[in-house]
């Protein structure tokens, strides 16, 4: 099974509210290694990330306020398999999210 560095999501604008950043495609396993969120606005934005939703029980990054012009750079080791989703919830539009992973398909 080959291991390939990949950017399965982004850079992409994250809309206000909850949206899906990444859906793992058929026959793939991703090991998420980094999640980056850049706040391109002039005001703070609160963000949180979860697998399969953004309720407290599903969070991998709890609600955190990113200052204007700031960023969240989260190094991690999170395995996701076919059909699983990485979701984001933001308080405003204007941030960019990028996900880097090891594709183990």
PDB file of N, CA and C in Angstrom:
ATOM      1  N   UNK A   1       0.845  -1.168   0.000  1.00  0.00           N
ATOM      2  CA  UNK A   1       0.000   0.000   0.000  1.00  0.00           C
ATOM      3  C   UNK A   1       0.898   1.241   0.000  1.00  0.00           C
ATOM      4  N   UNK A   2       0.822   2.091  -1.051  1.00  0.00           N
ATOM      5  CA  UNK A   2       1.689   3.266  -1.098  1.00  0.00           C
ATOM      6  C   UNK A   2       1.256   4.336  -0.100  1.00  0.00           C
ATOM      7  N   UNK A   3       2.228   5.092   0.372  1.00  0.00           N
ATOM      8  CA  UNK A   3       1.965   6.231   1.241  1.00  0.00           C
ATOM      9  C   UNK A   3       2.410   7.476   0.506  1.00  0.00           C
ATOM     10  N   UNK A   4       1.463   8.368   0.204  1.00  0.00           N
ATOM     11  CA  UNK A   4       1.739   9.560  -0.576  1.00  0.00           C
ATOM     12  C   UNK A   4       1.319  10.791   0.201  1.00  0.00           C
ATOM     13  N   UNK A   5       2.209  11.768   0.267  1.00  0.00           N
ATOM     14  CA  UNK A   5       1.817  13.036   0.870  1.00  0.00           C
ATOM     15  C   UNK A   5       0.800  13.700  -0.034  1.00  0.00           C
ATOM     16  N   UNK A   6      -0.245  14.277   0.558  1.00  0.00           N
ATOM     17  CA  UNK A   6      -1.329  14.853  -0.231  1.00  0.00           C
ATOM     18  C   UNK A   6      -1.915  16.064   0.479  1.00  0.00           C
ATOM     19  N   UNK A   7      -2.611  16.857  -0.318  1.00  0.00           N
ATOM     20  CA  UNK A   7      -3.404  17.962   0.215  1.00  0.00           C
ATOM     21  C   UNK A   7      -4.835  17.689  -0.215  1.00  0.00           C
ATOM     22  N   UNK A   8      -5.570  16.879   0.555  1.00  0.00           N
ATOM     23  CA  UNK A   8      -6.915  16.475   0.131  1.00  0.00           C
ATOM     24  C   UNK A   8      -7.973  17.566   0.224  1.00  0.00           C
ATOM     25  N   UNK A   9      -7.640  18.695   0.860  1.00  0.00           N
ATOM     26  CA  UNK A   9      -8.605  19.792   0.951  1.00  0.00           C
ATOM     27  C   UNK A   9      -7.885  21.125   1.001  1.00  0.00           C
ATOM     28  N   UNK A  10      -8.391  22.074   0.227  1.00  0.00           N
ATOM     29  CA  UNK A  10      -7.935  23.445   0.262  1.00  0.00           C
ATOM     30  C   UNK A  10      -6.702  23.733  -0.567  1.00  0.00           C
ATOM     31  N   UNK A  11      -6.290  24.976  -0.495  1.00  0.00           N
ATOM     32  CA  UNK A  11      -6.904  26.033   0.287  1.00  0.00           C
ATOM     33  C   UNK A  11      -8.282  26.403  -0.260  1.00  0.00           C
ATOM     34  N   UNK A  12      -9.219  26.578   0.658  1.00  0.00           N
ATOM     35  CA  UNK A  12     -10.598  26.899   0.287  1.00  0.00           C
ATOM     36  C   UNK A  12     -11.212  27.804   1.337  1.00  0.00           C
ATOM     37  N   UNK A  13     -12.108  28.669   0.901  1.00  0.00           N
ATOM     38  CA  UNK A  13     -12.815  29.564   1.802  1.00  0.00           C
ATOM     39  C   UNK A  13     -13.819  28.759   2.616  1.00  0.00           C
ATOM     40  N   UNK A  14     -13.857  29.006   3.912  1.00  0.00           N
ATOM     41  CA  UNK A  14     -14.839  28.359   4.790  1.00  0.00           C
ATOM     42  C   UNK A  14     -15.961  29.337   5.067  1.00  0.00           C
ATOM     43  N   UNK A  15     -17.169  28.957   4.714  1.00  0.00           N
ATOM     44  CA  UNK A  15     -18.336  29.816   4.908  1.00  0.00           C
ATOM     45  C   UNK A  15     -18.743  29.857   6.376  1.00  0.00           C
ATOM     46  N   UNK A  16     -19.468  30.882   6.731  1.00  0.00           N
ATOM     47  CA  UNK A  16     -20.014  30.996   8.078  1.00  0.00           C
ATOM     48  C   UNK A  16     -20.965  29.835   8.345  1.00  0.00           C
ATOM     49  N   UNK A  17     -20.927  29.304   9.547  1.00  0.00           N
ATOM     50  CA  UNK A  17     -21.760  28.153   9.897  1.00  0.00           C
ATOM     51  C   UNK A  17     -20.964  26.869   9.769  1.00  0.00           C
ATOM     52  N   UNK A  18     -21.663  25.768   9.546  1.00  0.00           N
ATOM     53  CA  UNK A  18     -21.022  24.455   9.447  1.00  0.00           C
ATOM     54  C   UNK A  18     -20.940  24.018   7.997  1.00  0.00           C
ATOM     55  N   UNK A  19     -19.769  23.533   7.608  1.00  0.00           N
ATOM     56  CA  UNK A  19     -19.594  23.006   6.257  1.00  0.00           C
ATOM     57  C   UNK A  19     -18.595  21.857   6.278  1.00  0.00           C
ATOM     58  N   UNK A  20     -18.626  21.047   5.231  1.00  0.00           N
ATOM     59  CA  UNK A  20     -17.710  19.918   5.107  1.00  0.00           C
ATOM     60  C   UNK A  20     -16.445  20.368   4.397  1.00  0.00           C
ATOM     61  N   UNK A  21     -15.321  20.114   5.014  1.00  0.00           N
ATOM     62  CA  UNK A  21     -14.020  20.454   4.455  1.00  0.00           C
ATOM     63  C   UNK A  21     -13.512  19.316   3.591  1.00  0.00           C
ATOM     64  N   UNK A  22     -13.734  18.076   4.041  1.00  0.00           N
ATOM     65  CA  UNK A  22     -13.179  16.901   3.377  1.00  0.00           C
ATOM     66  C   UNK A  22     -14.098  15.713   3.575  1.00  0.00           C
ATOM     67  N   UNK A  23     -14.353  14.988   2.496  1.00  0.00           N
ATOM     68  CA  UNK A  23     -15.004  13.682   2.566  1.00  0.00           C
ATOM     69  C   UNK A  23     -14.020  12.680   1.998  1.00  0.00           C
ATOM     70  N   UNK A  24     -13.676  11.676   2.775  1.00  0.00           N
ATOM     71  CA  UNK A  24     -12.704  10.673   2.319  1.00  0.00           C
ATOM     72  C   UNK A  24     -13.348   9.840   1.217  1.00  0.00           C
ATOM     73  N   UNK A  25     -12.682   9.799   0.069  1.00  0.00           N
ATOM     74  CA  UNK A  25     -13.212   9.096  -1.094  1.00  0.00           C
ATOM     75  C   UNK A  25     -13.065   7.586  -0.960  1.00  0.00           C
ATOM     76  N   UNK A  26     -13.795   6.883  -1.804  1.00  0.00           N
ATOM     77  CA  UNK A  26     -13.841   5.421  -1.776  1.00  0.00           C
ATOM     78  C   UNK A  26     -12.445   4.806  -1.829  1.00  0.00           C
ATOM     79  N   UNK A  27     -12.236   3.795  -1.022  1.00  0.00           N
ATOM     80  CA  UNK A  27     -10.991   3.020  -0.965  1.00  0.00           C
ATOM     81  C   UNK A  27      -9.786   3.833  -0.527  1.00  0.00           C
ATOM     82  N   UNK A  28     -10.005   4.919   0.210  1.00  0.00           N
ATOM     83  CA  UNK A  28      -8.892   5.725   0.702  1.00  0.00           C
ATOM     84  C   UNK A  28      -8.864   5.732   2.225  1.00  0.00           C
ATOM     85  N   UNK A  29      -7.683   5.844   2.753  1.00  0.00           N
ATOM     86  CA  UNK A  29      -7.453   6.113   4.164  1.00  0.00           C
ATOM     87  C   UNK A  29      -6.480   7.271   4.217  1.00  0.00           C
ATOM     88  N   UNK A  30      -6.867   8.338   4.916  1.00  0.00           N
ATOM     89  CA  UNK A  30      -5.991   9.490   5.091  1.00  0.00           C
ATOM     90  C   UNK A  30      -5.562   9.573   6.546  1.00  0.00           C
ATOM     91  N   UNK A  31      -4.295   9.851   6.757  1.00  0.00           N
ATOM     92  CA  UNK A  31      -3.822  10.221   8.076  1.00  0.00           C
ATOM     93  C   UNK A  31      -3.570  11.711   8.021  1.00  0.00           C
ATOM     94  N   UNK A  32      -4.474  12.470   8.624  1.00  0.00           N
ATOM     95  CA  UNK A  32      -4.367  13.925   8.626  1.00  0.00           C
ATOM     96  C   UNK A  32      -3.153  14.307   9.473  1.00  0.00           C
ATOM     97  N   UNK A  33      -2.275  15.106   8.893  1.00  0.00           N
ATOM     98  CA  UNK A  33      -1.053  15.521   9.589  1.00  0.00           C
ATOM     99  C   UNK A  33      -1.066  16.993   9.968  1.00  0.00           C
ATOM    100  N   UNK A  34      -1.872  17.804   9.245  1.00  0.00           N
ATOM    101  CA  UNK A  34      -1.915  19.229   9.553  1.00  0.00           C
ATOM    102  C   UNK A  34      -3.227  19.831   9.088  1.00  0.00           C
ATOM    103  N   UNK A  35      -3.800  20.673   9.927  1.00  0.00           N
ATOM    104  CA  UNK A  35      -4.976  21.464   9.582  1.00  0.00           C
ATOM    105  C   UNK A  35      -4.587  22.922   9.801  1.00  0.00           C
ATOM    106  N   UNK A  36      -4.731  23.722   8.748  1.00  0.00           N
ATOM    107  CA  UNK A  36      -4.385  25.142   8.843  1.00  0.00           C
ATOM    108  C   UNK A  36      -5.616  25.982   8.510  1.00  0.00           C
ATOM    109  N   UNK A  37      -5.878  26.965   9.356  1.00  0.00           N
ATOM    110  CA  UNK A  37      -6.969  27.910   9.118  1.00  0.00           C
ATOM    111  C   UNK A  37      -6.380  29.303   9.214  1.00  0.00           C
ATOM    112  N   UNK A  38      -6.546  30.089   8.153  1.00  0.00           N
ATOM    113  CA  UNK A  38      -6.024  31.450   8.102  1.00  0.00           C
ATOM    114  C   UNK A  38      -7.198  32.423   8.112  1.00  0.00           C
ATOM    115  N   UNK A  39      -7.201  33.347   9.057  1.00  0.00           N
ATOM    116  CA  UNK A  39      -8.247  34.366   9.142  1.00  0.00           C
ATOM    117  C   UNK A  39      -7.821  35.563   8.295  1.00  0.00           C
ATOM    118  N   UNK A  40      -8.469  35.733   7.143  1.00  0.00           N
ATOM    119  CA  UNK A  40      -8.143  36.810   6.215  1.00  0.00           C
ATOM    120  C   UNK A  40      -8.961  38.071   6.456  1.00  0.00           C
ATOM    121  N   UNK A  41      -9.693  38.137   7.553  1.00  0.00           N
ATOM    122  CA  UNK A  41     -10.596  39.259   7.804  1.00  0.00           C
ATOM    123  C   UNK A  41      -9.991  40.263   8.791  1.00  0.00           C
ATOM    124  N   UNK A  42     -10.735  41.329   9.031  1.00  0.00           N
ATOM    125  CA  UNK A  42     -10.304  42.378   9.965  1.00  0.00           C
ATOM    126  C   UNK A  42     -10.887  42.182  11.366  1.00  0.00           C
ATOM    127  N   UNK A  43     -11.516  41.024  11.615  1.00  0.00           N
ATOM    128  CA  UNK A  43     -12.111  40.735  12.929  1.00  0.00           C
ATOM    129  C   UNK A  43     -11.817  39.287  13.312  1.00  0.00           C
ATOM    130  N   UNK A  44     -11.880  39.003  14.589  1.00  0.00           N
ATOM    131  CA  UNK A  44     -11.660  37.631  15.066  1.00  0.00           C
ATOM    132  C   UNK A  44     -12.775  36.710  14.555  1.00  0.00           C
ATOM    133  N   UNK A  45     -12.401  35.446  14.293  1.00  0.00           N
ATOM    134  CA  UNK A  45     -13.355  34.409  13.891  1.00  0.00           C
ATOM    135  C   UNK A  45     -13.136  33.218  14.812  1.00  0.00           C
ATOM    136  N   UNK A  46     -14.226  32.669  15.332  1.00  0.00           N
ATOM    137  CA  UNK A  46     -14.142  31.455  16.144  1.00  0.00           C
ATOM    138  C   UNK A  46     -14.394  30.253  15.247  1.00  0.00           C
ATOM    139  N   UNK A  47     -13.520  29.242  15.360  1.00  0.00           N
ATOM    140  CA  UNK A  47     -13.636  28.036  14.543  1.00  0.00           C
ATOM    141  C   UNK A  47     -13.554  26.799  15.428  1.00  0.00           C
ATOM    142  N   UNK A  48     -14.148  25.720  14.937  1.00  0.00           N
ATOM    143  CA  UNK A  48     -13.975  24.407  15.556  1.00  0.00           C
ATOM    144  C   UNK A  48     -14.090  23.366  14.458  1.00  0.00           C
ATOM    145  N   UNK A  49     -13.402  22.239  14.650  1.00  0.00           N
ATOM    146  CA  UNK A  49     -13.379  21.157  13.672  1.00  0.00           C
ATOM    147  C   UNK A  49     -13.825  19.858  14.331  1.00  0.00           C
ATOM    148  N   UNK A  50     -14.531  19.031  13.577  1.00  0.00           N
ATOM    149  CA  UNK A  50     -14.955  17.733  14.075  1.00  0.00           C
ATOM    150  C   UNK A  50     -15.009  16.703  12.969  1.00  0.00           C
ATOM    151  N   UNK A  51     -15.025  15.455  13.352  1.00  0.00           N
ATOM    152  CA  UNK A  51     -15.172  14.356  12.393  1.00  0.00           C
ATOM    153  C   UNK A  51     -16.610  13.874  12.477  1.00  0.00           C
ATOM    154  N   UNK A  52     -17.320  13.999  11.353  1.00  0.00           N
ATOM    155  CA  UNK A  52     -18.709  13.567  11.295  1.00  0.00           C
ATOM    156  C   UNK A  52     -19.685  14.559  11.885  1.00  0.00           C
ATOM    157  N   UNK A  53     -19.231  15.755  12.198  1.00  0.00           N
ATOM    158  CA  UNK A  53     -20.085  16.792  12.766  1.00  0.00           C
ATOM    159  C   UNK A  53     -19.280  17.685  13.674  1.00  0.00           C
ATOM    160  N   UNK A  54     -19.932  18.700  14.226  1.00  0.00           N
ATOM    161  CA  UNK A  54     -19.218  19.630  15.101  1.00  0.00           C
ATOM    162  C   UNK A  54     -19.871  19.756  16.480  1.00  0.00           C
ATOM    163  N   UNK A  55     -20.602  18.716  16.882  1.00  0.00           N
ATOM    164  CA  UNK A  55     -21.090  18.689  18.263  1.00  0.00           C
ATOM    165  C   UNK A  55     -19.905  18.404  19.184  1.00  0.00           C
ATOM    166  N   UNK A  56     -20.022  18.733  20.432  1.00  0.00           N
ATOM    167  CA  UNK A  56     -18.894  18.597  21.358  1.00  0.00           C
ATOM    168  C   UNK A  56     -18.279  17.200  21.362  1.00  0.00           C
ATOM    169  N   UNK A  57     -19.086  16.168  21.245  1.00  0.00           N
ATOM    170  CA  UNK A  57     -18.586  14.792  21.298  1.00  0.00           C
ATOM    171  C   UNK A  57     -17.747  14.420  20.075  1.00  0.00           C
ATOM    172  N   UNK A  58     -17.852  15.178  18.989  1.00  0.00           N
ATOM    173  CA  UNK A  58     -17.158  14.850  17.739  1.00  0.00           C
ATOM    174  C   UNK A  58     -15.965  15.757  17.438  1.00  0.00           C
ATOM    175  N   UNK A  59     -15.690  16.712  18.315  1.00  0.00           N
ATOM    176  CA  UNK A  59     -14.651  17.704  18.034  1.00  0.00           C
ATOM    177  C   UNK A  59     -13.244  17.132  18.130  1.00  0.00           C
ATOM    178  N   UNK A  60     -12.402  17.555  17.181  1.00  0.00           N
ATOM    179  CA  UNK A  60     -10.969  17.265  17.258  1.00  0.00           C
ATOM    180  C   UNK A  60     -10.191  18.549  17.543  1.00  0.00           C
ATOM    181  N   UNK A  61     -10.809  19.695  17.242  1.00  0.00           N
ATOM    182  CA  UNK A  61     -10.285  21.003  17.634  1.00  0.00           C
ATOM    183  C   UNK A  61     -11.464  21.772  18.231  1.00  0.00           C
ATOM    184  N   UNK A  62     -11.421  22.071  19.526  1.00  0.00           N
ATOM    185  CA  UNK A  62     -12.550  22.777  20.150  1.00  0.00           C
ATOM    186  C   UNK A  62     -12.611  24.229  19.671  1.00  0.00           C
ATOM    187  N   UNK A  63     -13.680  24.908  20.011  1.00  0.00           N
ATOM    188  CA  UNK A  63     -13.853  26.308  19.608  1.00  0.00           C
ATOM    189  C   UNK A  63     -12.656  27.144  20.046  1.00  0.00           C
ATOM    190  N   UNK A  64     -12.076  27.835  19.070  1.00  0.00           N
ATOM    191  CA  UNK A  64     -10.918  28.682  19.342  1.00  0.00           C
ATOM    192  C   UNK A  64     -11.066  29.959  18.523  1.00  0.00           C
ATOM    193  N   UNK A  65     -10.743  31.078  19.133  1.00  0.00           N
ATOM    194  CA  UNK A  65     -10.842  32.365  18.453  1.00  0.00           C
ATOM    195  C   UNK A  65      -9.525  32.656  17.732  1.00  0.00           C
ATOM    196  N   UNK A  66      -9.638  32.904  16.430  1.00  0.00           N
ATOM    197  CA  UNK A  66      -8.469  33.235  15.612  1.00  0.00           C
ATOM    198  C   UNK A  66      -8.522  34.748  15.376  1.00  0.00           C
ATOM    199  N   UNK A  67      -7.506  35.493  15.818  1.00  0.00           N
ATOM    200  CA  UNK A  67      -7.549  36.945  15.666  1.00  0.00           C
ATOM    201  C   UNK A  67      -7.468  37.367  14.193  1.00  0.00           C
ATOM    202  N   UNK A  68      -7.876  38.597  13.923  1.00  0.00           N
ATOM    203  CA  UNK A  68      -7.783  39.141  12.566  1.00  0.00           C
ATOM    204  C   UNK A  68      -6.356  38.991  12.051  1.00  0.00           C
ATOM    205  N   UNK A  69      -6.221  38.442  10.846  1.00  0.00           N
ATOM    206  CA  UNK A  69      -4.898  38.248  10.256  1.00  0.00           C
ATOM    207  C   UNK A  69      -4.106  37.105  10.861  1.00  0.00           C
ATOM    208  N   UNK A  70      -4.692  36.361  11.791  1.00  0.00           N
ATOM    209  CA  UNK A  70      -3.988  35.271  12.466  1.00  0.00           C
ATOM    210  C   UNK A  70      -4.281  33.925  11.833  1.00  0.00           C
ATOM    211  N   UNK A  71      -3.681  32.880  12.400  1.00  0.00           N
ATOM    212  CA  UNK A  71      -3.934  31.541  11.874  1.00  0.00           C
ATOM    213  C   UNK A  71      -3.830  30.492  12.968  1.00  0.00           C
ATOM    214  N   UNK A  72      -4.495  29.375  12.694  1.00  0.00           N
ATOM    215  CA  UNK A  72      -4.400  28.163  13.498  1.00  0.00           C
ATOM    216  C   UNK A  72      -3.593  27.186  12.667  1.00  0.00           C
ATOM    217  N   UNK A  73      -2.537  26.629  13.238  1.00  0.00           N
ATOM    218  CA  UNK A  73      -1.723  25.633  12.555  1.00  0.00           C
ATOM    219  C   UNK A  73      -1.665  24.416  13.473  1.00  0.00           C
ATOM    220  N   UNK A  74      -2.499  23.418  13.189  1.00  0.00           N
ATOM    221  CA  UNK A  74      -2.671  22.274  14.082  1.00  0.00           C
ATOM    222  C   UNK A  74      -2.003  21.029  13.495  1.00  0.00           C
ATOM    223  N   UNK A  75      -0.847  20.661  14.040  1.00  0.00           N
ATOM    224  CA  UNK A  75      -0.192  19.408  13.653  1.00  0.00           C
ATOM    225  C   UNK A  75      -0.848  18.283  14.424  1.00  0.00           C
ATOM    226  N   UNK A  76      -1.173  17.188  13.720  1.00  0.00           N
ATOM    227  CA  UNK A  76      -1.933  16.122  14.360  1.00  0.00           C
ATOM    228  C   UNK A  76      -1.645  14.785  13.685  1.00  0.00           C
ATOM    229  N   UNK A  77      -2.299  13.763  14.168  1.00  0.00           N
ATOM    230  CA  UNK A  77      -2.197  12.409  13.626  1.00  0.00           C
ATOM    231  C   UNK A  77      -3.585  11.798  13.766  1.00  0.00           C
ATOM    232  N   UNK A  78      -4.439  12.049  12.754  1.00  0.00           N
ATOM    233  CA  UNK A  78      -5.833  11.621  12.812  1.00  0.00           C
ATOM    234  C   UNK A  78      -6.135  10.756  11.602  1.00  0.00           C
ATOM    235  N   UNK A  79      -6.511   9.503  11.826  1.00  0.00           N
ATOM    236  CA  UNK A  79      -6.814   8.577  10.739  1.00  0.00           C
ATOM    237  C   UNK A  79      -8.288   8.701  10.365  1.00  0.00           C
ATOM    238  N   UNK A  80      -8.534   8.856   9.051  1.00  0.00           N
ATOM    239  CA  UNK A  80      -9.902   8.925   8.526  1.00  0.00           C
ATOM    240  C   UNK A  80     -10.027   7.922   7.387  1.00  0.00           C
ATOM    241  N   UNK A  81     -11.172   7.232   7.324  1.00  0.00           N
ATOM    242  CA  UNK A  81     -11.385   6.215   6.303  1.00  0.00           C
ATOM    243  C   UNK A  81     -12.572   6.571   5.409  1.00  0.00           C
ATOM    244  N   UNK A  82     -12.770   5.751   4.384  1.00  0.00           N
ATOM    245  CA  UNK A  82     -13.799   5.968   3.367  1.00  0.00           C
ATOM    246  C   UNK A  82     -15.122   6.448   3.968  1.00  0.00           C
ATOM    247  N   UNK A  83     -15.616   7.567   3.426  1.00  0.00           N
ATOM    248  CA  UNK A  83     -16.917   8.093   3.818  1.00  0.00           C
ATOM    249  C   UNK A  83     -16.918   9.035   5.009  1.00  0.00           C
ATOM    250  N   UNK A  84     -15.850   9.054   5.794  1.00  0.00           N
ATOM    251  CA  UNK A  84     -15.810   9.962   6.939  1.00  0.00           C
ATOM    252  C   UNK A  84     -15.632  11.401   6.453  1.00  0.00           C
ATOM    253  N   UNK A  85     -16.154  12.351   7.239  1.00  0.00           N
ATOM    254  CA  UNK A  85     -16.063  13.758   6.875  1.00  0.00           C
ATOM    255  C   UNK A  85     -15.361  14.561   7.962  1.00  0.00           C
ATOM    256  N   UNK A  86     -14.601  15.545   7.508  1.00  0.00           N
ATOM    257  CA  UNK A  86     -14.018  16.546   8.393  1.00  0.00           C
ATOM    258  C   UNK A  86     -14.858  17.795   8.202  1.00  0.00           C
ATOM    259  N   UNK A  87     -15.429  18.304   9.290  1.00  0.00           N
ATOM    260  CA  UNK A  87     -16.301  19.466   9.195  1.00  0.00           C
ATOM    261  C   UNK A  87     -15.748  20.622  10.016  1.00  0.00           C
ATOM    262  N   UNK A  88     -16.117  21.823   9.587  1.00  0.00           N
ATOM    263  CA  UNK A  88     -15.714  23.047  10.263  1.00  0.00           C
ATOM    264  C   UNK A  88     -16.957  23.852  10.598  1.00  0.00           C
ATOM    265  N   UNK A  89     -16.881  24.567  11.709  1.00  0.00           N
ATOM    266  CA  UNK A  89     -17.924  25.520  12.060  1.00  0.00           C
ATOM    267  C   UNK A  89     -17.222  26.837  12.349  1.00  0.00           C
ATOM    268  N   UNK A  90     -17.668  27.914  11.666  1.00  0.00           N
ATOM    269  CA  UNK A  90     -17.061  29.225  11.853  1.00  0.00           C
ATOM    270  C   UNK A  90     -18.135  30.260  12.165  1.00  0.00           C
ATOM    271  N   UNK A  91     -17.723  31.328  12.812  1.00  0.00           N
ATOM    272  CA  UNK A  91     -18.656  32.399  13.143  1.00  0.00           C
ATOM    273  C   UNK A  91     -18.749  33.443  12.044  1.00  0.00           C
ATOM    274  N   UNK A  92     -17.903  33.350  11.014  1.00  0.00           N
ATOM    275  CA  UNK A  92     -17.929  34.315   9.912  1.00  0.00           C
ATOM    276  C   UNK A  92     -17.244  33.723   8.684  1.00  0.00           C
ATOM    277  N   UNK A  93     -17.607  34.226   7.520  1.00  0.00           N
ATOM    278  CA  UNK A  93     -16.935  33.867   6.278  1.00  0.00           C
ATOM    279  C   UNK A  93     -15.662  34.703   6.159  1.00  0.00           C
ATOM    280  N   UNK A  94     -14.654  34.172   5.510  1.00  0.00           N
ATOM    281  CA  UNK A  94     -13.452  34.962   5.271  1.00  0.00           C
ATOM    282  C   UNK A  94     -12.171  34.273   5.670  1.00  0.00           C
ATOM    283  N   UNK A  95     -12.264  33.030   6.107  1.00  0.00           N
ATOM    284  CA  UNK A  95     -11.069  32.281   6.461  1.00  0.00           C
ATOM    285  C   UNK A  95     -10.780  31.210   5.421  1.00  0.00           C
ATOM    286  N   UNK A  96      -9.526  30.810   5.348  1.00  0.00           N
ATOM    287  CA  UNK A  96      -9.096  29.785   4.397  1.00  0.00           C
ATOM    288  C   UNK A  96      -8.619  28.560   5.169  1.00  0.00           C
ATOM    289  N   UNK A  97      -9.110  27.390   4.765  1.00  0.00           N
ATOM    290  CA  UNK A  97      -8.724  26.142   5.423  1.00  0.00           C
ATOM    291  C   UNK A  97      -7.977  25.251   4.432  1.00  0.00           C
ATOM    292  N   UNK A  98      -6.914  24.609   4.929  1.00  0.00           N
ATOM    293  CA  UNK A  98      -6.109  23.683   4.135  1.00  0.00           C
ATOM    294  C   UNK A  98      -5.804  22.466   5.005  1.00  0.00           C
ATOM    295  N   UNK A  99      -5.925  21.280   4.405  1.00  0.00           N
ATOM    296  CA  UNK A  99      -5.652  20.027   5.123  1.00  0.00           C
ATOM    297  C   UNK A  99      -4.560  19.266   4.377  1.00  0.00           C
ATOM    298  N   UNK A 100      -3.525  18.868   5.102  1.00  0.00           N
ATOM    299  CA  UNK A 100      -2.451  18.044   4.538  1.00  0.00           C
ATOM    300  C   UNK A 100      -2.502  16.672   5.213  1.00  0.00           C
ATOM    301  N   UNK A 101      -2.213  15.642   4.410  1.00  0.00           N
ATOM    302  CA  UNK A 101      -2.380  14.275   4.932  1.00  0.00           C
ATOM    303  C   UNK A 101      -1.434  13.307   4.243  1.00  0.00           C
ATOM    304  N   UNK A 102      -1.362  12.131   4.811  1.00  0.00           N
ATOM    305  CA  UNK A 102      -0.707  10.989   4.192  1.00  0.00           C
ATOM    306  C   UNK A 102      -1.821  10.127   3.606  1.00  0.00           C
ATOM    307  N   UNK A 103      -1.809   9.948   2.294  1.00  0.00           N
ATOM    308  CA  UNK A 103      -2.820   9.127   1.614  1.00  0.00           C
ATOM    309  C   UNK A 103      -2.292   7.696   1.599  1.00  0.00           C
ATOM    310  N   UNK A 104      -3.031   6.822   2.259  1.00  0.00           N
ATOM    311  CA  UNK A 104      -2.593   5.441   2.394  1.00  0.00           C
ATOM    312  C   UNK A 104      -3.447   4.491   1.559  1.00  0.00           C
ATOM    313  N   UNK A 105      -3.955   5.002   0.425  1.00  0.00           N
ATOM    314  CA  UNK A 105      -4.824   4.186  -0.435  1.00  0.00           C
ATOM    315  C   UNK A 105      -4.030   3.176  -1.234  1.00  0.00           C
TER     316      UNK A 105
END
